Every structure is written in structure tokens, then in C-alpha cells.
């Protein structure tokens, strides 16, 4: 049985995934992520990478993109995608998402007005 579709996710969905793991999303929101934005490894593993400057842990900008990982689990007759992790990528992991640029401050609180 093929896994069900994964996504699309709204900005609020992505922000919720990040928040579950201690990160905050840009208050101005994200673009909507469609199925083609995910990387699939077989039928049971998929991930979505988020640009480093689009998230914060407290007021700290990660150096590398964050990877939101999902695994398709089969519980009985119905497969279902489950969020398994949200992690900053290590230096040796390739991603199409962007690192924090060296001139972008490591400590960078979100603007008070929610603008980008």
C-alpha cells in the first residue's frame, strides 16, 4: 500500500512543528510548502528543510538549515505520516535550504511589529 500524500502545509502548520521542538518561526510567515518541496527517501521517510534565518531558538539564529523529518508508519491497515524530528543540519549534510550568512547576526530577535 502506497503512503498517503504528505502536505501541503500552511505557515501555521510549519510554525507548529517548529514550536514543538523549541523553535519559533518568522512571525511574518512562510511560503506554503507543497509535495515537491519535500525530499522523499523511499515510501517511508520524507523531510522539508527550512532556511536558517527563517527560525530562531530564543533569539539565536541557527548556523545551518533546520530539517523537519516525517516517517510513514503503518498502524493496522492505514499508513500515516508522523513528525519525528526537527533538527539543525550538521555541516556535512547537503541541503537546498540556506545557511545563515556570516554577516547575519547570530543573536537576532524577531522584529516587534512582525515584519520580515
N, C-alpha and C. Protein backbone atom coordinates (compact mmCIF):
# COMPACT_ATOMS: atom_id res chain seq x y z
N UNK A 1 0.85 -1.18 0.00
CA UNK A 1 0.00 0.00 0.00
C UNK A 1 0.90 1.25 0.00
N UNK A 2 0.62 2.16 -0.91
CA UNK A 2 1.39 3.39 -1.01
C UNK A 2 1.06 4.33 0.15
N UNK A 3 2.03 5.11 0.58
CA UNK A 3 1.74 6.06 1.68
C UNK A 3 0.81 7.16 1.21
N UNK A 4 0.08 7.77 2.13
CA UNK A 4 -0.79 8.88 1.76
C UNK A 4 0.05 10.09 1.39
N UNK A 5 -0.53 11.08 0.71
CA UNK A 5 0.21 12.31 0.39
C UNK A 5 0.69 13.01 1.67
N UNK A 6 1.79 13.70 1.56
CA UNK A 6 2.34 14.48 2.67
C UNK A 6 2.28 15.95 2.29
N UNK A 7 1.56 16.76 3.08
CA UNK A 7 1.42 18.17 2.79
C UNK A 7 0.28 18.39 1.82
N UNK A 8 0.03 19.59 1.35
CA UNK A 8 0.79 20.80 1.68
C UNK A 8 0.52 21.25 3.11
N UNK A 9 1.45 22.01 3.64
CA UNK A 9 1.33 22.55 4.98
C UNK A 9 1.24 24.06 4.92
N UNK A 10 0.41 24.62 5.76
CA UNK A 10 0.30 26.07 5.86
C UNK A 10 1.47 26.60 6.69
N UNK A 11 1.64 27.90 6.69
CA UNK A 11 2.66 28.54 7.54
C UNK A 11 2.43 28.18 9.00
N UNK A 12 1.16 28.15 9.42
CA UNK A 12 0.84 27.81 10.81
C UNK A 12 1.22 26.37 11.14
N UNK A 13 1.03 25.45 10.17
CA UNK A 13 1.42 24.05 10.39
C UNK A 13 2.93 23.95 10.63
N UNK A 14 3.71 24.59 9.75
CA UNK A 14 5.17 24.55 9.86
C UNK A 14 5.61 25.19 11.17
N UNK A 15 5.02 26.34 11.52
CA UNK A 15 5.36 27.01 12.78
C UNK A 15 5.06 26.10 13.96
N UNK A 16 3.97 25.35 13.90
CA UNK A 16 3.62 24.42 14.97
C UNK A 16 4.63 23.30 15.11
N UNK A 17 5.10 22.74 13.98
CA UNK A 17 6.12 21.69 14.02
C UNK A 17 7.39 22.22 14.68
N UNK A 18 7.78 23.44 14.29
CA UNK A 18 8.99 24.05 14.87
C UNK A 18 8.81 24.30 16.36
N UNK A 19 7.66 24.83 16.74
CA UNK A 19 7.40 25.16 18.14
C UNK A 19 7.45 23.92 19.03
N UNK A 20 6.96 22.80 18.52
CA UNK A 20 7.01 21.54 19.28
C UNK A 20 8.44 21.17 19.66
N UNK A 21 9.41 21.70 18.93
CA UNK A 21 10.81 21.35 19.16
C UNK A 21 11.66 22.56 19.62
N UNK A 22 10.99 23.58 20.14
CA UNK A 22 11.70 24.68 20.76
C UNK A 22 12.11 25.83 19.85
N UNK A 23 11.62 25.86 18.63
CA UNK A 23 11.97 26.92 17.69
C UNK A 23 10.76 27.83 17.45
N UNK A 24 11.02 29.06 17.05
CA UNK A 24 9.95 29.95 16.62
C UNK A 24 10.16 30.28 15.15
N UNK A 25 9.05 30.41 14.46
CA UNK A 25 9.08 30.73 13.03
C UNK A 25 8.97 32.22 12.85
N UNK A 26 9.38 32.68 11.68
CA UNK A 26 9.25 34.08 11.32
C UNK A 26 7.79 34.50 11.51
N UNK A 27 7.52 35.51 12.33
CA UNK A 27 6.12 35.92 12.56
C UNK A 27 5.44 36.45 11.30
N UNK A 28 6.20 36.80 10.28
CA UNK A 28 5.61 37.23 9.01
C UNK A 28 5.14 36.04 8.18
N UNK A 29 5.47 34.82 8.63
CA UNK A 29 5.00 33.62 7.95
C UNK A 29 6.00 33.04 6.98
N UNK A 30 5.65 31.87 6.47
CA UNK A 30 6.44 31.15 5.47
C UNK A 30 5.63 31.08 4.18
N UNK A 31 6.29 30.68 3.11
CA UNK A 31 5.55 30.32 1.91
C UNK A 31 4.90 28.96 2.16
N UNK A 32 3.85 28.63 1.43
CA UNK A 32 3.23 27.32 1.56
C UNK A 32 4.16 26.29 0.94
N UNK A 33 4.31 25.14 1.61
CA UNK A 33 5.19 24.08 1.11
C UNK A 33 4.35 22.98 0.48
N UNK A 34 4.65 22.67 -0.76
CA UNK A 34 3.94 21.66 -1.50
C UNK A 34 4.74 20.37 -1.52
N UNK A 35 4.11 19.33 -1.99
CA UNK A 35 4.73 17.99 -2.01
C UNK A 35 6.10 18.02 -2.69
N UNK A 36 6.27 18.80 -3.76
CA UNK A 36 7.57 18.81 -4.46
C UNK A 36 8.67 19.50 -3.65
N UNK A 37 8.33 20.19 -2.55
CA UNK A 37 9.35 20.79 -1.69
C UNK A 37 9.97 19.76 -0.75
N UNK A 38 9.32 18.60 -0.61
CA UNK A 38 9.82 17.55 0.27
C UNK A 38 10.84 16.70 -0.46
N UNK A 39 11.76 16.14 0.29
CA UNK A 39 12.66 15.13 -0.23
C UNK A 39 12.18 13.81 0.33
N UNK A 40 11.96 12.84 -0.55
CA UNK A 40 11.48 11.53 -0.13
C UNK A 40 12.59 10.51 -0.26
N UNK A 41 12.70 9.66 0.74
CA UNK A 41 13.62 8.54 0.72
C UNK A 41 12.76 7.29 0.83
N UNK A 42 12.51 6.68 -0.30
CA UNK A 42 11.60 5.54 -0.32
C UNK A 42 10.18 6.00 -0.03
N UNK A 43 9.36 5.08 0.46
CA UNK A 43 7.97 5.38 0.77
C UNK A 43 7.74 5.72 2.23
N UNK A 44 8.80 5.70 3.04
CA UNK A 44 8.55 5.84 4.48
C UNK A 44 9.29 6.99 5.16
N UNK A 45 10.09 7.75 4.43
CA UNK A 45 10.84 8.84 5.05
C UNK A 45 10.79 10.07 4.14
N UNK A 46 10.51 11.23 4.74
CA UNK A 46 10.48 12.47 3.97
C UNK A 46 10.91 13.61 4.87
N UNK A 47 11.48 14.66 4.25
CA UNK A 47 11.86 15.82 5.05
C UNK A 47 11.69 17.10 4.26
N UNK A 48 11.61 18.16 5.02
CA UNK A 48 11.48 19.52 4.50
C UNK A 48 12.53 20.36 5.20
N UNK A 49 13.39 21.03 4.44
CA UNK A 49 14.42 21.89 5.03
C UNK A 49 13.95 23.33 5.01
N UNK A 50 14.25 24.06 6.09
CA UNK A 50 13.84 25.45 6.26
C UNK A 50 15.10 26.31 6.37
N UNK A 51 15.16 27.44 5.66
CA UNK A 51 16.31 28.34 5.72
C UNK A 51 16.61 28.73 7.17
N UNK A 52 17.89 28.81 7.49
CA UNK A 52 18.31 29.11 8.86
C UNK A 52 17.75 30.43 9.38
N UNK A 53 17.73 31.47 8.56
CA UNK A 53 17.31 32.78 9.09
C UNK A 53 15.79 32.88 9.25
N UNK A 54 15.05 31.85 8.85
CA UNK A 54 13.60 31.86 8.99
C UNK A 54 13.13 31.35 10.34
N UNK A 55 14.08 30.94 11.21
CA UNK A 55 13.73 30.39 12.52
C UNK A 55 14.65 30.95 13.60
N UNK A 56 14.20 30.82 14.83
CA UNK A 56 15.01 31.20 15.99
C UNK A 56 14.81 30.16 17.09
N UNK A 57 15.81 30.00 17.90
CA UNK A 57 15.69 29.25 19.16
C UNK A 57 15.98 30.29 20.23
N UNK A 58 14.91 30.81 20.83
CA UNK A 58 15.05 32.01 21.65
C UNK A 58 15.30 33.17 20.68
N UNK A 59 16.44 33.81 20.81
CA UNK A 59 16.83 34.87 19.87
C UNK A 59 18.02 34.46 19.00
N UNK A 60 18.37 33.17 19.04
CA UNK A 60 19.54 32.66 18.33
C UNK A 60 19.13 32.08 16.97
N UNK A 61 19.84 32.53 15.94
CA UNK A 61 19.63 32.04 14.58
C UNK A 61 20.55 30.84 14.38
N UNK A 62 20.01 29.71 13.92
CA UNK A 62 20.90 28.57 13.68
C UNK A 62 21.88 28.87 12.55
N UNK A 63 23.01 28.20 12.57
CA UNK A 63 24.01 28.37 11.51
C UNK A 63 23.58 27.65 10.24
N UNK A 64 22.92 26.51 10.40
CA UNK A 64 22.51 25.67 9.27
C UNK A 64 20.99 25.59 9.19
N UNK A 65 20.47 25.15 8.05
CA UNK A 65 19.02 24.98 7.93
C UNK A 65 18.48 23.96 8.94
N UNK A 66 17.19 24.06 9.21
CA UNK A 66 16.52 23.06 10.03
C UNK A 66 15.86 22.05 9.12
N UNK A 67 15.90 20.79 9.54
CA UNK A 67 15.25 19.72 8.79
C UNK A 67 14.07 19.20 9.62
N UNK A 68 12.88 19.26 9.04
CA UNK A 68 11.68 18.71 9.63
C UNK A 68 11.47 17.35 8.99
N UNK A 69 11.54 16.28 9.78
CA UNK A 69 11.52 14.92 9.25
C UNK A 69 10.22 14.21 9.63
N UNK A 70 9.69 13.48 8.66
CA UNK A 70 8.46 12.70 8.84
C UNK A 70 8.74 11.25 8.46
N UNK A 71 8.08 10.34 9.15
CA UNK A 71 8.16 8.92 8.83
C UNK A 71 6.74 8.40 8.65
N UNK A 72 6.56 7.58 7.63
CA UNK A 72 5.26 6.97 7.40
C UNK A 72 5.19 5.68 8.21
N UNK A 73 4.23 5.64 9.13
CA UNK A 73 4.06 4.48 10.00
C UNK A 73 2.77 3.77 9.62
N UNK A 74 2.82 2.46 9.68
CA UNK A 74 1.65 1.65 9.37
C UNK A 74 1.10 1.10 10.68
N UNK A 75 -0.02 1.63 11.10
CA UNK A 75 -0.66 1.11 12.32
C UNK A 75 -1.96 0.42 11.89
N UNK A 76 -1.86 -0.86 11.71
CA UNK A 76 -3.01 -1.59 11.17
C UNK A 76 -3.07 -1.44 9.67
N UNK A 77 -4.23 -1.12 9.15
CA UNK A 77 -4.43 -1.05 7.72
C UNK A 77 -4.15 0.32 7.13
N UNK A 78 -3.93 1.34 7.97
CA UNK A 78 -3.83 2.71 7.45
C UNK A 78 -2.44 3.31 7.69
N UNK A 79 -1.74 3.65 6.61
CA UNK A 79 -0.46 4.35 6.79
C UNK A 79 -0.72 5.81 7.16
N UNK A 80 0.20 6.37 7.96
CA UNK A 80 0.04 7.76 8.40
C UNK A 80 1.41 8.38 8.59
N UNK A 81 1.58 9.63 8.11
CA UNK A 81 2.83 10.35 8.29
C UNK A 81 2.88 10.93 9.71
N UNK A 82 4.01 10.74 10.38
CA UNK A 82 4.23 11.28 11.73
C UNK A 82 5.48 12.15 11.74
N UNK A 83 5.40 13.27 12.42
CA UNK A 83 6.57 14.12 12.62
C UNK A 83 7.53 13.40 13.56
N UNK A 84 8.79 13.23 13.15
CA UNK A 84 9.74 12.52 14.00
C UNK A 84 10.82 13.41 14.58
N UNK A 85 11.20 14.49 13.86
CA UNK A 85 12.25 15.35 14.42
C UNK A 85 12.28 16.69 13.71
N UNK A 86 12.86 17.66 14.42
CA UNK A 86 13.21 18.97 13.87
C UNK A 86 14.61 19.23 14.38
N UNK A 87 15.59 19.26 13.47
CA UNK A 87 16.98 19.37 13.87
C UNK A 87 17.74 20.31 12.95
N UNK A 88 18.71 21.01 13.53
CA UNK A 88 19.64 21.79 12.72
C UNK A 88 20.58 20.81 12.03
N UNK A 89 20.81 21.02 10.75
CA UNK A 89 21.67 20.12 10.00
C UNK A 89 23.13 20.30 10.39
N UNK A 90 23.86 19.21 10.42
CA UNK A 90 25.30 19.30 10.67
C UNK A 90 25.98 19.77 9.38
N UNK A 91 27.22 20.17 9.50
CA UNK A 91 27.97 20.78 8.39
C UNK A 91 28.13 19.84 7.20
N UNK A 92 28.10 18.54 7.44
CA UNK A 92 28.34 17.57 6.36
C UNK A 92 27.07 17.13 5.63
N UNK A 93 25.91 17.70 5.98
CA UNK A 93 24.65 17.32 5.34
C UNK A 93 24.26 18.37 4.31
N UNK A 94 24.08 17.92 3.07
CA UNK A 94 23.71 18.83 1.99
C UNK A 94 22.24 19.22 2.10
N UNK A 95 21.93 20.44 1.67
CA UNK A 95 20.56 20.94 1.69
C UNK A 95 20.41 22.02 0.63
N UNK A 96 19.19 22.11 0.08
CA UNK A 96 18.89 23.21 -0.84
C UNK A 96 18.52 24.47 -0.06
N UNK A 97 18.17 24.32 1.23
CA UNK A 97 17.87 25.47 2.08
C UNK A 97 19.17 26.19 2.43
N UNK A 98 19.04 27.44 2.81
CA UNK A 98 20.21 28.29 3.01
C UNK A 98 20.72 28.31 4.44
N UNK A 99 22.05 28.36 4.57
CA UNK A 99 22.71 28.58 5.87
C UNK A 99 22.51 30.03 6.29
N UNK A 100 22.79 30.33 7.54
CA UNK A 100 22.84 31.72 8.00
C UNK A 100 24.08 32.34 7.36
N UNK A 101 23.91 33.47 6.72
CA UNK A 101 25.06 34.15 6.13
C UNK A 101 25.95 34.68 7.25
N UNK A 102 27.26 34.70 7.03
CA UNK A 102 28.20 35.09 8.07
C UNK A 102 27.97 36.50 8.58
N UNK A 103 27.46 37.40 7.72
CA UNK A 103 27.24 38.77 8.17
C UNK A 103 25.86 38.97 8.83
N UNK A 104 25.03 37.91 8.87
CA UNK A 104 23.74 37.99 9.55
C UNK A 104 23.98 37.68 11.03
N UNK A 105 23.51 38.53 11.95
CA UNK A 105 23.81 38.35 13.38
C UNK A 105 23.31 37.01 13.93
N UNK A 106 24.14 36.35 14.71
CA UNK A 106 23.78 35.08 15.36
C UNK A 106 22.65 35.32 16.37
N UNK A 107 22.73 36.41 17.11
CA UNK A 107 21.67 36.79 18.05
C UNK A 107 20.82 37.83 17.33
N UNK A 108 19.59 37.46 17.02
CA UNK A 108 18.75 38.33 16.21
C UNK A 108 17.28 38.10 16.57
N UNK A 109 16.76 38.89 17.50
CA UNK A 109 15.34 38.73 17.85
C UNK A 109 14.44 39.12 16.67
N UNK A 110 13.22 38.57 16.68
CA UNK A 110 12.27 38.94 15.65
C UNK A 110 11.87 40.40 15.83
N UNK A 111 11.60 41.10 14.74
CA UNK A 111 11.11 42.49 14.87
C UNK A 111 9.81 42.52 15.68
N UNK A 112 9.63 43.55 16.46
CA UNK A 112 8.44 43.70 17.31
C UNK A 112 7.16 43.78 16.50
N UNK A 113 7.21 44.36 15.30
CA UNK A 113 6.00 44.53 14.50
C UNK A 113 5.67 43.31 13.65
N UNK A 114 6.51 42.26 13.68
CA UNK A 114 6.24 41.06 12.91
C UNK A 114 6.64 41.15 11.46
N UNK A 115 7.27 42.25 11.06
CA UNK A 115 7.70 42.38 9.66
C UNK A 115 8.95 41.57 9.42
N UNK A 116 9.17 41.25 8.16
CA UNK A 116 10.38 40.49 7.80
C UNK A 116 11.59 41.37 7.89
